Amino acid sequence: KWVPVQVPYTKQPALGSAGTLKSL
């Protein structure tokens, strides 16, 4: 359940939603 520790060096655009990933 990874939460990045390093804060990005540049401001990251807000992520859009792509629905649900059901499988690989």
PDB file of all heavy atoms in Angstrom:
ATOM      1  N   LYS A   1       0.845  -1.202   0.000  1.00  0.00           N
ATOM      2  CA  LYS A   1       0.000   0.000   0.000  1.00  0.00           C
ATOM      3  C   LYS A   1       0.881   1.254   0.000  1.00  0.00           C
ATOM      4  O   LYS A   1       0.787   2.104   0.869  1.00  0.00           O
ATOM      5  CB  LYS A   1      -0.944  -0.010   1.199  1.00  0.00           C
ATOM      6  CG  LYS A   1      -1.961  -1.132   1.159  1.00  0.00           C
ATOM      7  CD  LYS A   1      -2.928  -1.094   2.333  1.00  0.00           C
ATOM      8  CE  LYS A   1      -3.953  -2.213   2.228  1.00  0.00           C
ATOM      9  NZ  LYS A   1      -4.897  -2.230   3.379  1.00  0.00           N
ATOM     10  N   TRP A   2       1.704   1.335  -1.010  1.00  0.00           N
ATOM     11  CA  TRP A   2       2.784   2.303  -1.005  1.00  0.00           C
ATOM     12  C   TRP A   2       2.305   3.747  -1.049  1.00  0.00           C
ATOM     13  O   TRP A   2       1.483   4.130  -1.884  1.00  0.00           O
ATOM     14  CB  TRP A   2       3.727   2.051  -2.178  1.00  0.00           C
ATOM     15  CG  TRP A   2       4.901   2.984  -2.179  1.00  0.00           C
ATOM     16  CD1 TRP A   2       5.201   3.931  -3.096  1.00  0.00           C
ATOM     17  CD2 TRP A   2       5.909   3.066  -1.178  1.00  0.00           C
ATOM     18  NE1 TRP A   2       6.331   4.603  -2.748  1.00  0.00           N
ATOM     19  CE2 TRP A   2       6.794   4.088  -1.562  1.00  0.00           C
ATOM     20  CE3 TRP A   2       6.152   2.386   0.012  1.00  0.00           C
ATOM     21  CZ2 TRP A   2       7.910   4.439  -0.802  1.00  0.00           C
ATOM     22  CZ3 TRP A   2       7.250   2.728   0.772  1.00  0.00           C
ATOM     23  CH2 TRP A   2       8.117   3.738   0.362  1.00  0.00           C
ATOM     24  N   VAL A   3       2.852   4.543  -0.142  1.00  0.00           N
ATOM     25  CA  VAL A   3       2.672   5.995  -0.142  1.00  0.00           C
ATOM     26  C   VAL A   3       4.056   6.599  -0.331  1.00  0.00           C
ATOM     27  O   VAL A   3       4.936   6.410   0.510  1.00  0.00           O
ATOM     28  CB  VAL A   3       2.055   6.496   1.165  1.00  0.00           C
ATOM     29  CG1 VAL A   3       1.953   8.025   1.140  1.00  0.00           C
ATOM     30  CG2 VAL A   3       0.689   5.866   1.395  1.00  0.00           C
ATOM     31  N   PRO A   4       4.304   7.303  -1.447  1.00  0.00           N
ATOM     32  CA  PRO A   4       5.639   7.853  -1.671  1.00  0.00           C
ATOM     33  C   PRO A   4       6.100   8.724  -0.508  1.00  0.00           C
ATOM     34  O   PRO A   4       5.321   9.496   0.057  1.00  0.00           O
ATOM     35  CB  PRO A   4       5.469   8.674  -2.954  1.00  0.00           C
ATOM     36  CG  PRO A   4       4.301   8.051  -3.647  1.00  0.00           C
ATOM     37  CD  PRO A   4       3.384   7.598  -2.555  1.00  0.00           C
ATOM     38  N   VAL A   5       7.358   8.582  -0.169  1.00  0.00           N
ATOM     39  CA  VAL A   5       7.960   9.407   0.881  1.00  0.00           C
ATOM     40  C   VAL A   5       8.536  10.681   0.275  1.00  0.00           C
ATOM     41  O   VAL A   5       8.380  11.772   0.819  1.00  0.00           O
ATOM     42  CB  VAL A   5       9.057   8.617   1.628  1.00  0.00           C
ATOM     43  CG1 VAL A   5       9.734   9.492   2.681  1.00  0.00           C
ATOM     44  CG2 VAL A   5       8.468   7.364   2.269  1.00  0.00           C
ATOM     45  N   GLN A   6       9.169  10.547  -0.868  1.00  0.00           N
ATOM     46  CA  GLN A   6       9.772  11.685  -1.536  1.00  0.00           C
ATOM     47  C   GLN A   6       8.691  12.572  -2.168  1.00  0.00           C
ATOM     48  O   GLN A   6       7.856  12.099  -2.944  1.00  0.00           O
ATOM     49  CB  GLN A   6      10.729  11.218  -2.637  1.00  0.00           C
ATOM     50  CG  GLN A   6      11.344  12.329  -3.459  1.00  0.00           C
ATOM     51  CD  GLN A   6      12.269  13.207  -2.642  1.00  0.00           C
ATOM     52  OE1 GLN A   6      13.164  12.720  -1.974  1.00  0.00           O
ATOM     53  NE2 GLN A   6      12.058  14.512  -2.695  1.00  0.00           N
ATOM     54  N   VAL A   7       8.715  13.832  -1.834  1.00  0.00           N
ATOM     55  CA  VAL A   7       7.817  14.795  -2.450  1.00  0.00           C
ATOM     56  C   VAL A   7       8.381  15.151  -3.829  1.00  0.00           C
ATOM     57  O   VAL A   7       9.573  15.450  -3.949  1.00  0.00           O
ATOM     58  CB  VAL A   7       7.680  16.065  -1.585  1.00  0.00           C
ATOM     59  CG1 VAL A   7       6.828  17.118  -2.296  1.00  0.00           C
ATOM     60  CG2 VAL A   7       7.083  15.710  -0.225  1.00  0.00           C
ATOM     61  N   PRO A   8       7.565  15.116  -4.892  1.00  0.00           N
ATOM     62  CA  PRO A   8       8.083  15.435  -6.225  1.00  0.00           C
ATOM     63  C   PRO A   8       8.702  16.824  -6.280  1.00  0.00           C
ATOM     64  O   PRO A   8       8.297  17.735  -5.562  1.00  0.00           O
ATOM     65  CB  PRO A   8       6.835  15.352  -7.106  1.00  0.00           C
ATOM     66  CG  PRO A   8       5.911  14.436  -6.366  1.00  0.00           C
ATOM     67  CD  PRO A   8       6.145  14.720  -4.917  1.00  0.00           C
ATOM     68  N   TYR A   9       9.688  16.977  -7.139  1.00  0.00           N
ATOM     69  CA  TYR A   9      10.403  18.246  -7.252  1.00  0.00           C
ATOM     70  C   TYR A   9       9.606  19.292  -8.012  1.00  0.00           C
ATOM     71  O   TYR A   9       9.901  20.480  -7.929  1.00  0.00           O
ATOM     72  CB  TYR A   9      11.744  18.026  -7.949  1.00  0.00           C
ATOM     73  CG  TYR A   9      12.788  17.359  -7.084  1.00  0.00           C
ATOM     74  CD1 TYR A   9      12.499  16.878  -5.812  1.00  0.00           C
ATOM     75  CD2 TYR A   9      14.093  17.207  -7.554  1.00  0.00           C
ATOM     76  CE1 TYR A   9      13.451  16.264  -5.037  1.00  0.00           C
ATOM     77  CE2 TYR A   9      15.065  16.599  -6.779  1.00  0.00           C
ATOM     78  CZ  TYR A   9      14.735  16.125  -5.521  1.00  0.00           C
ATOM     79  OH  TYR A   9      15.696  15.523  -4.751  1.00  0.00           O
ATOM     80  N   THR A  10       8.648  18.835  -8.804  1.00  0.00           N
ATOM     81  CA  THR A  10       7.793  19.766  -9.537  1.00  0.00           C
ATOM     82  C   THR A  10       6.346  19.463  -9.189  1.00  0.00           C
ATOM     83  O   THR A  10       5.991  18.323  -8.855  1.00  0.00           O
ATOM     84  CB  THR A  10       7.988  19.639 -11.056  1.00  0.00           C
ATOM     85  OG1 THR A  10       7.695  18.303 -11.463  1.00  0.00           O
ATOM     86  CG2 THR A  10       9.412  20.000 -11.456  1.00  0.00           C
ATOM     87  N   LYS A  11       5.517  20.455  -9.269  1.00  0.00           N
ATOM     88  CA  LYS A  11       4.106  20.272  -8.939  1.00  0.00           C
ATOM     89  C   LYS A  11       3.471  19.314  -9.933  1.00  0.00           C
ATOM     90  O   LYS A  11       3.578  19.480 -11.140  1.00  0.00           O
ATOM     91  CB  LYS A  11       3.372  21.614  -8.964  1.00  0.00           C
ATOM     92  CG  LYS A  11       1.918  21.511  -8.501  1.00  0.00           C
ATOM     93  CD  LYS A  11       1.264  22.888  -8.461  1.00  0.00           C
ATOM     94  CE  LYS A  11      -0.179  22.778  -7.987  1.00  0.00           C
ATOM     95  NZ  LYS A  11      -0.841  24.107  -7.948  1.00  0.00           N
ATOM     96  N   GLN A  12       2.809  18.305  -9.408  1.00  0.00           N
ATOM     97  CA  GLN A  12       2.200  17.288 -10.259  1.00  0.00           C
ATOM     98  C   GLN A  12       0.752  17.666 -10.600  1.00  0.00           C
ATOM     99  O   GLN A  12      -0.021  18.046  -9.709  1.00  0.00           O
ATOM    100  CB  GLN A  12       2.207  15.942  -9.548  1.00  0.00           C
ATOM    101  CG  GLN A  12       3.603  15.459  -9.179  1.00  0.00           C
ATOM    102  CD  GLN A  12       4.421  15.119 -10.405  1.00  0.00           C
ATOM    103  OE1 GLN A  12       4.112  14.190 -11.138  1.00  0.00           O
ATOM    104  NE2 GLN A  12       5.466  15.894 -10.643  1.00  0.00           N
ATOM    105  N   PRO A  13       0.384  17.574 -11.870  1.00  0.00           N
ATOM    106  CA  PRO A  13      -1.013  17.831 -12.232  1.00  0.00           C
ATOM    107  C   PRO A  13      -1.938  16.837 -11.532  1.00  0.00           C
ATOM    108  O   PRO A  13      -1.554  15.703 -11.251  1.00  0.00           O
ATOM    109  CB  PRO A  13      -1.026  17.616 -13.756  1.00  0.00           C
ATOM    110  CG  PRO A  13       0.411  17.708 -14.175  1.00  0.00           C
ATOM    111  CD  PRO A  13       1.207  17.220 -13.028  1.00  0.00           C
ATOM    112  N   ALA A  14      -3.148  17.281 -11.268  1.00  0.00           N
ATOM    113  CA  ALA A  14      -4.119  16.393 -10.631  1.00  0.00           C
ATOM    114  C   ALA A  14      -4.408  15.216 -11.556  1.00  0.00           C
ATOM    115  O   ALA A  14      -4.568  15.378 -12.770  1.00  0.00           O
ATOM    116  CB  ALA A  14      -5.394  17.153 -10.314  1.00  0.00           C
ATOM    117  N   LEU A  15      -4.467  14.041 -10.974  1.00  0.00           N
ATOM    118  CA  LEU A  15      -4.742  12.845 -11.764  1.00  0.00           C
ATOM    119  C   LEU A  15      -6.222  12.763 -12.120  1.00  0.00           C
ATOM    120  O   LEU A  15      -7.079  13.031 -11.292  1.00  0.00           O
ATOM    121  CB  LEU A  15      -4.350  11.593 -10.982  1.00  0.00           C
ATOM    122  CG  LEU A  15      -2.859  11.299 -10.848  1.00  0.00           C
ATOM    123  CD1 LEU A  15      -2.646  10.164  -9.872  1.00  0.00           C
ATOM    124  CD2 LEU A  15      -2.249  10.961 -12.195  1.00  0.00           C
ATOM    125  N   GLY A  16      -6.473  12.366 -13.351  1.00  0.00           N
ATOM    126  CA  GLY A  16      -7.833  12.078 -13.729  1.00  0.00           C
ATOM    127  C   GLY A  16      -8.219  10.670 -13.293  1.00  0.00           C
ATOM    128  O   GLY A  16      -7.368   9.873 -12.893  1.00  0.00           O
ATOM    129  N   SER A  17      -9.480  10.360 -13.368  1.00  0.00           N
ATOM    130  CA  SER A  17      -9.949   9.038 -12.971  1.00  0.00           C
ATOM    131  C   SER A  17     -10.159   8.179 -14.206  1.00  0.00           C
ATOM    132  O   SER A  17     -10.797   8.608 -15.177  1.00  0.00           O
ATOM    133  CB  SER A  17     -11.259   9.141 -12.191  1.00  0.00           C
ATOM    134  OG  SER A  17     -11.763   7.859 -11.897  1.00  0.00           O
ATOM    135  N   ALA A  18      -9.630   6.971 -14.160  1.00  0.00           N
ATOM    136  CA  ALA A  18      -9.755   6.069 -15.310  1.00  0.00           C
ATOM    137  C   ALA A  18     -10.638   4.877 -15.001  1.00  0.00           C
ATOM    138  O   ALA A  18     -10.530   3.844 -15.632  1.00  0.00           O
ATOM    139  CB  ALA A  18      -8.363   5.605 -15.736  1.00  0.00           C
ATOM    140  N   GLY A  19     -11.462   5.017 -14.021  1.00  0.00           N
ATOM    141  CA  GLY A  19     -12.336   3.908 -13.688  1.00  0.00           C
ATOM    142  C   GLY A  19     -11.638   2.862 -12.848  1.00  0.00           C
ATOM    143  O   GLY A  19     -10.750   3.169 -12.056  1.00  0.00           O
ATOM    144  N   THR A  20     -12.003   1.624 -13.050  1.00  0.00           N
ATOM    145  CA  THR A  20     -11.502   0.533 -12.213  1.00  0.00           C
ATOM    146  C   THR A  20     -10.660  -0.428 -13.035  1.00  0.00           C
ATOM    147  O   THR A  20     -11.035  -0.822 -14.136  1.00  0.00           O
ATOM    148  CB  THR A  20     -12.684  -0.232 -11.580  1.00  0.00           C
ATOM    149  OG1 THR A  20     -13.459   0.674 -10.795  1.00  0.00           O
ATOM    150  CG2 THR A  20     -12.170  -1.361 -10.689  1.00  0.00           C
ATOM    151  N   LEU A  21      -9.521  -0.783 -12.463  1.00  0.00           N
ATOM    152  CA  LEU A  21      -8.651  -1.768 -13.097  1.00  0.00           C
ATOM    153  C   LEU A  21      -8.968  -3.131 -12.493  1.00  0.00           C
ATOM    154  O   LEU A  21      -8.769  -3.365 -11.306  1.00  0.00           O
ATOM    155  CB  LEU A  21      -7.177  -1.415 -12.870  1.00  0.00           C
ATOM    156  CG  LEU A  21      -6.166  -2.225 -13.679  1.00  0.00           C
ATOM    157  CD1 LEU A  21      -6.301  -1.913 -15.170  1.00  0.00           C
ATOM    158  CD2 LEU A  21      -4.744  -1.946 -13.209  1.00  0.00           C
ATOM    159  N   LYS A  22      -9.468  -4.024 -13.335  1.00  0.00           N
ATOM    160  CA  LYS A  22      -9.950  -5.306 -12.831  1.00  0.00           C
ATOM    161  C   LYS A  22      -8.908  -6.419 -12.920  1.00  0.00           C
ATOM    162  O   LYS A  22      -8.948  -7.375 -12.148  1.00  0.00           O
ATOM    163  CB  LYS A  22     -11.211  -5.720 -13.591  1.00  0.00           C
ATOM    164  CG  LYS A  22     -12.389  -4.767 -13.382  1.00  0.00           C
ATOM    165  CD  LYS A  22     -13.623  -5.254 -14.119  1.00  0.00           C
ATOM    166  CE  LYS A  22     -14.801  -4.321 -13.867  1.00  0.00           C
ATOM    167  NZ  LYS A  22     -16.036  -4.770 -14.577  1.00  0.00           N
ATOM    168  N   SER A  23      -7.962  -6.286 -13.867  1.00  0.00           N
ATOM    169  CA  SER A  23      -7.007  -7.377 -14.033  1.00  0.00           C
ATOM    170  C   SER A  23      -5.765  -6.917 -14.779  1.00  0.00           C
ATOM    171  O   SER A  23      -5.766  -5.873 -15.435  1.00  0.00           O
ATOM    172  CB  SER A  23      -7.652  -8.546 -14.790  1.00  0.00           C
ATOM    173  OG  SER A  23      -7.981  -8.161 -16.119  1.00  0.00           O
ATOM    174  N   LEU A  24      -4.734  -7.720 -14.668  1.00  0.00           N
ATOM    175  CA  LEU A  24      -3.523  -7.593 -15.480  1.00  0.00           C
ATOM    176  C   LEU A  24      -3.340  -8.935 -16.163  1.00  0.00           C
ATOM    177  O   LEU A  24      -3.155  -9.966 -15.507  1.00  0.00           O
ATOM    178  CB  LEU A  24      -2.305  -7.267 -14.615  1.00  0.00           C
ATOM    179  CG  LEU A  24      -0.936  -7.352 -15.313  1.00  0.00           C
ATOM    180  CD1 LEU A  24      -0.831  -6.299 -16.425  1.00  0.00           C
ATOM    181  CD2 LEU A  24       0.209  -7.178 -14.309  1.00  0.00           C
TER     182      LEU A  24
END
